[in-house]
Amino acid sequence: MQAGDQAWLSGHAQSRCQQRGIRTELVGVMVEHGERKYTREERSYSMSHRASKRVKAAMCARIYSCIADKLDFYVVVSLEGDDIITVAHLIRCFRKN
């Protein structure tokens, strides 16, 4: 998978990126550096604290500071063909006091 190549994004994933305001370049960053989790049919990538340190080390500080707050999403990838199925924002629940 190449970060600049959109051929690996399914039509559904492309429309979800557009609807949710997630840049396709950031999807490439997530797949390359994100924390990987597996299920039976797919794998997902999200940005953990450890993964964000890897991204910060791989990029210059100026670029990382521009994208750090935009890495709050996850990517679901098919195990069969390495096609990205969908992308979505992480939903964080806050506890009410």
N, C-alpha and C. Protein backbone atom coordinates (compact mmCIF):
# COMPACT_ATOMS: atom_id res chain seq x y z
N MET A 1 0.83 -1.19 0.00
CA MET A 1 0.00 0.00 0.00
C MET A 1 0.86 1.23 0.00
N GLN A 2 0.60 2.11 -0.88
CA GLN A 2 1.31 3.37 -0.96
C GLN A 2 0.40 4.47 -0.43
N ALA A 3 0.97 5.40 0.36
CA ALA A 3 0.17 6.46 0.97
C ALA A 3 -0.44 7.38 -0.08
N GLY A 4 0.24 7.60 -1.20
CA GLY A 4 -0.27 8.51 -2.20
C GLY A 4 -1.20 7.85 -3.20
N ASP A 5 -1.30 6.56 -3.19
CA ASP A 5 -2.09 5.81 -4.15
C ASP A 5 -3.47 5.51 -3.57
N GLN A 6 -4.52 5.97 -4.25
CA GLN A 6 -5.88 5.77 -3.75
C GLN A 6 -6.52 4.50 -4.27
N ALA A 7 -5.79 3.70 -5.06
CA ALA A 7 -6.35 2.48 -5.61
C ALA A 7 -6.70 1.47 -4.53
N TRP A 8 -6.05 1.52 -3.40
CA TRP A 8 -6.30 0.58 -2.32
C TRP A 8 -7.50 0.99 -1.47
N LEU A 9 -8.04 2.19 -1.68
CA LEU A 9 -9.26 2.61 -0.98
C LEU A 9 -10.47 2.10 -1.75
N SER A 10 -11.36 1.39 -1.08
CA SER A 10 -12.59 0.96 -1.74
C SER A 10 -13.46 2.19 -1.99
N GLY A 11 -14.46 2.04 -2.82
CA GLY A 11 -15.39 3.14 -3.08
C GLY A 11 -16.07 3.60 -1.80
N HIS A 12 -16.43 2.63 -0.98
CA HIS A 12 -17.06 2.94 0.31
C HIS A 12 -16.12 3.75 1.19
N ALA A 13 -14.85 3.34 1.25
CA ALA A 13 -13.87 4.04 2.08
C ALA A 13 -13.62 5.46 1.55
N GLN A 14 -13.58 5.62 0.24
CA GLN A 14 -13.40 6.95 -0.33
C GLN A 14 -14.55 7.88 0.04
N SER A 15 -15.78 7.36 -0.06
CA SER A 15 -16.92 8.21 0.29
C SER A 15 -16.95 8.51 1.79
N ARG A 16 -16.55 7.56 2.62
CA ARG A 16 -16.51 7.81 4.07
C ARG A 16 -15.43 8.84 4.42
N CYS A 17 -14.29 8.78 3.76
CA CYS A 17 -13.26 9.80 3.97
C CYS A 17 -13.81 11.19 3.63
N GLN A 18 -14.50 11.26 2.51
CA GLN A 18 -15.08 12.55 2.08
C GLN A 18 -16.15 13.03 3.05
N GLN A 19 -17.05 12.16 3.45
CA GLN A 19 -18.13 12.54 4.35
C GLN A 19 -17.63 12.94 5.73
N ARG A 20 -16.58 12.27 6.19
CA ARG A 20 -16.12 12.48 7.57
C ARG A 20 -14.93 13.43 7.66
N GLY A 21 -14.48 13.96 6.53
CA GLY A 21 -13.39 14.92 6.55
C GLY A 21 -12.06 14.33 6.93
N ILE A 22 -11.82 13.09 6.55
CA ILE A 22 -10.55 12.42 6.84
C ILE A 22 -9.73 12.42 5.56
N ARG A 23 -8.57 13.02 5.59
CA ARG A 23 -7.72 13.12 4.41
C ARG A 23 -7.11 11.76 4.09
N THR A 24 -7.05 11.42 2.80
CA THR A 24 -6.51 10.13 2.39
C THR A 24 -5.03 10.00 2.72
N GLU A 25 -4.30 11.12 2.77
CA GLU A 25 -2.89 11.07 3.15
C GLU A 25 -2.75 10.59 4.59
N LEU A 26 -3.68 11.00 5.45
CA LEU A 26 -3.64 10.57 6.85
C LEU A 26 -4.01 9.10 6.99
N VAL A 27 -4.82 8.59 6.07
CA VAL A 27 -5.14 7.16 6.08
C VAL A 27 -3.86 6.37 5.84
N GLY A 28 -3.02 6.84 4.92
CA GLY A 28 -1.73 6.19 4.67
C GLY A 28 -0.83 6.22 5.89
N VAL A 29 -0.82 7.34 6.60
CA VAL A 29 -0.03 7.45 7.83
C VAL A 29 -0.53 6.46 8.87
N MET A 30 -1.86 6.35 8.97
CA MET A 30 -2.45 5.45 9.95
C MET A 30 -2.09 4.00 9.65
N VAL A 31 -2.17 3.60 8.38
CA VAL A 31 -1.88 2.23 8.00
C VAL A 31 -0.39 1.93 8.20
N GLU A 32 0.45 2.90 7.93
CA GLU A 32 1.89 2.69 8.04
C GLU A 32 2.37 2.66 9.49
N HIS A 33 1.80 3.52 10.34
CA HIS A 33 2.34 3.68 11.70
C HIS A 33 1.36 3.29 12.82
N GLY A 34 0.10 3.08 12.50
CA GLY A 34 -0.90 2.84 13.53
C GLY A 34 -0.77 1.49 14.21
N GLU A 35 -1.44 1.37 15.34
CA GLU A 35 -1.46 0.10 16.07
C GLU A 35 -2.43 -0.85 15.38
N ARG A 36 -1.99 -2.07 15.12
CA ARG A 36 -2.77 -3.04 14.34
C ARG A 36 -3.49 -4.00 15.27
N LYS A 37 -4.78 -4.24 14.98
CA LYS A 37 -5.56 -5.24 15.72
C LYS A 37 -6.25 -6.13 14.69
N TYR A 38 -6.34 -7.43 15.01
CA TYR A 38 -6.91 -8.40 14.08
C TYR A 38 -8.23 -8.97 14.59
N THR A 39 -9.15 -9.24 13.65
CA THR A 39 -10.32 -10.07 13.89
C THR A 39 -10.24 -11.20 12.87
N ARG A 40 -11.27 -11.98 12.73
CA ARG A 40 -11.23 -13.10 11.78
C ARG A 40 -11.17 -12.64 10.33
N GLU A 41 -11.94 -11.61 9.99
CA GLU A 41 -12.06 -11.20 8.59
C GLU A 41 -11.30 -9.94 8.23
N GLU A 42 -10.81 -9.21 9.22
CA GLU A 42 -10.23 -7.91 8.92
C GLU A 42 -9.20 -7.52 9.98
N ARG A 43 -8.49 -6.47 9.67
CA ARG A 43 -7.60 -5.87 10.67
C ARG A 43 -7.90 -4.38 10.71
N SER A 44 -7.64 -3.78 11.85
CA SER A 44 -7.90 -2.35 11.99
C SER A 44 -6.65 -1.66 12.50
N TYR A 45 -6.55 -0.39 12.19
CA TYR A 45 -5.43 0.43 12.62
C TYR A 45 -5.99 1.64 13.35
N SER A 46 -5.40 1.95 14.48
CA SER A 46 -5.76 3.17 15.21
C SER A 46 -4.49 3.71 15.84
N MET A 47 -4.56 4.93 16.34
CA MET A 47 -3.38 5.60 16.86
C MET A 47 -3.35 5.50 18.38
N SER A 48 -2.48 4.66 18.88
CA SER A 48 -2.26 4.56 20.32
C SER A 48 -1.17 5.57 20.71
N HIS A 49 -0.91 5.66 21.99
CA HIS A 49 0.14 6.56 22.45
C HIS A 49 1.50 6.13 21.88
N ARG A 50 1.75 4.83 21.89
CA ARG A 50 3.01 4.30 21.36
C ARG A 50 3.13 4.56 19.86
N ALA A 51 2.03 4.38 19.12
CA ALA A 51 2.04 4.61 17.68
C ALA A 51 2.24 6.09 17.37
N SER A 52 1.67 6.98 18.17
CA SER A 52 1.85 8.41 17.92
C SER A 52 3.31 8.81 18.15
N LYS A 53 3.99 8.14 19.06
CA LYS A 53 5.43 8.38 19.24
C LYS A 53 6.21 7.95 18.01
N ARG A 54 5.79 6.82 17.40
CA ARG A 54 6.46 6.37 16.17
C ARG A 54 6.26 7.38 15.04
N VAL A 55 5.05 7.92 14.92
CA VAL A 55 4.77 8.91 13.87
C VAL A 55 5.60 10.16 14.12
N LYS A 56 5.65 10.59 15.36
CA LYS A 56 6.42 11.79 15.70
C LYS A 56 7.90 11.60 15.38
N ALA A 57 8.43 10.41 15.62
CA ALA A 57 9.84 10.13 15.33
C ALA A 57 10.10 10.05 13.83
N ALA A 58 9.11 9.61 13.06
CA ALA A 58 9.29 9.44 11.62
C ALA A 58 9.15 10.74 10.84
N MET A 59 8.49 11.74 11.42
CA MET A 59 8.24 13.00 10.73
C MET A 59 8.96 14.13 11.43
N CYS A 60 9.09 15.23 10.72
CA CYS A 60 9.65 16.40 11.40
C CYS A 60 8.58 16.96 12.35
N ALA A 61 9.01 17.64 13.38
CA ALA A 61 8.11 18.14 14.43
C ALA A 61 7.06 19.09 13.89
N ARG A 62 7.41 19.86 12.90
CA ARG A 62 6.48 20.84 12.32
C ARG A 62 5.29 20.16 11.64
N ILE A 63 5.58 19.13 10.85
CA ILE A 63 4.51 18.40 10.17
C ILE A 63 3.65 17.64 11.18
N TYR A 64 4.31 16.99 12.15
CA TYR A 64 3.56 16.23 13.15
C TYR A 64 2.62 17.13 13.94
N SER A 65 3.05 18.34 14.28
CA SER A 65 2.19 19.24 15.04
C SER A 65 0.95 19.64 14.24
N CYS A 66 1.05 19.63 12.92
CA CYS A 66 -0.11 19.96 12.08
C CYS A 66 -1.12 18.82 11.99
N ILE A 67 -0.65 17.58 12.10
CA ILE A 67 -1.57 16.45 11.91
C ILE A 67 -1.92 15.72 13.19
N ALA A 68 -1.26 16.01 14.29
CA ALA A 68 -1.44 15.24 15.53
C ALA A 68 -2.89 15.21 15.99
N ASP A 69 -3.59 16.31 15.89
CA ASP A 69 -4.98 16.36 16.37
C ASP A 69 -5.97 15.78 15.36
N LYS A 70 -5.50 15.38 14.18
CA LYS A 70 -6.37 14.82 13.15
C LYS A 70 -6.27 13.29 13.06
N LEU A 71 -5.52 12.68 13.97
CA LEU A 71 -5.31 11.23 13.93
C LEU A 71 -6.24 10.48 14.87
N ASP A 72 -7.45 11.00 15.06
CA ASP A 72 -8.42 10.37 15.97
C ASP A 72 -9.46 9.57 15.18
N PHE A 73 -8.98 8.67 14.33
CA PHE A 73 -9.87 7.82 13.54
C PHE A 73 -9.25 6.43 13.45
N TYR A 74 -10.01 5.50 12.90
CA TYR A 74 -9.48 4.16 12.68
C TYR A 74 -9.75 3.73 11.25
N VAL A 75 -8.98 2.76 10.79
CA VAL A 75 -9.05 2.25 9.43
C VAL A 75 -9.29 0.75 9.51
N VAL A 76 -10.24 0.24 8.73
CA VAL A 76 -10.52 -1.20 8.68
C VAL A 76 -10.08 -1.71 7.31
N VAL A 77 -9.23 -2.75 7.33
CA VAL A 77 -8.63 -3.29 6.11
C VAL A 77 -9.01 -4.76 5.98
N SER A 78 -9.33 -5.17 4.77
CA SER A 78 -9.66 -6.57 4.49
C SER A 78 -8.40 -7.42 4.57
N LEU A 79 -8.53 -8.63 5.13
CA LEU A 79 -7.40 -9.55 5.18
C LEU A 79 -7.15 -10.20 3.83
N GLU A 80 -8.17 -10.29 3.00
CA GLU A 80 -8.05 -10.98 1.73
C GLU A 80 -7.23 -10.21 0.71
N GLY A 81 -7.59 -8.94 0.46
CA GLY A 81 -6.94 -8.23 -0.61
C GLY A 81 -6.22 -6.96 -0.21
N ASP A 82 -6.07 -6.71 1.08
CA ASP A 82 -5.43 -5.50 1.58
C ASP A 82 -6.14 -4.22 1.14
N ASP A 83 -7.41 -4.31 0.81
CA ASP A 83 -8.19 -3.12 0.47
C ASP A 83 -8.76 -2.52 1.73
N ILE A 84 -8.77 -1.20 1.78
CA ILE A 84 -9.36 -0.51 2.93
C ILE A 84 -10.87 -0.54 2.77
N ILE A 85 -11.55 -1.07 3.76
CA ILE A 85 -13.00 -1.23 3.71
C ILE A 85 -13.69 0.06 4.12
N THR A 86 -13.27 0.64 5.25
CA THR A 86 -13.91 1.86 5.73
C THR A 86 -12.98 2.60 6.68
N VAL A 87 -13.31 3.85 6.94
CA VAL A 87 -12.63 4.67 7.93
C VAL A 87 -13.69 5.39 8.75
N ALA A 88 -13.40 5.63 10.01
CA ALA A 88 -14.37 6.31 10.88
C ALA A 88 -13.63 6.98 12.02
N HIS A 89 -14.25 7.99 12.58
CA HIS A 89 -13.69 8.68 13.74
C HIS A 89 -13.89 7.82 14.98
N LEU A 90 -12.93 7.89 15.89
CA LEU A 90 -13.08 7.24 17.18
C LEU A 90 -14.08 8.01 18.00
N ILE A 91 -14.91 7.30 18.73
CA ILE A 91 -15.90 7.94 19.59
C ILE A 91 -15.41 7.76 21.02
N ARG A 92 -15.16 8.85 21.64
CA ARG A 92 -14.69 8.82 23.03
C ARG A 92 -15.84 9.16 23.94
N CYS A 93 -16.10 8.32 24.91
CA CYS A 93 -17.16 8.56 25.89
C CYS A 93 -16.55 9.22 27.13
N PHE A 94 -17.18 10.26 27.57
CA PHE A 94 -16.72 10.95 28.75
C PHE A 94 -17.65 10.62 29.90
N ARG A 95 -17.06 10.38 31.03
CA ARG A 95 -17.83 10.01 32.21
C ARG A 95 -18.42 11.28 32.84
N LYS A 96 -19.70 11.23 33.14
CA LYS A 96 -20.34 12.35 33.82
C LYS A 96 -20.15 12.22 35.32
N ASN A 97 -19.87 13.31 35.96
CA ASN A 97 -19.70 13.28 37.41
C ASN A 97 -20.99 13.62 38.11
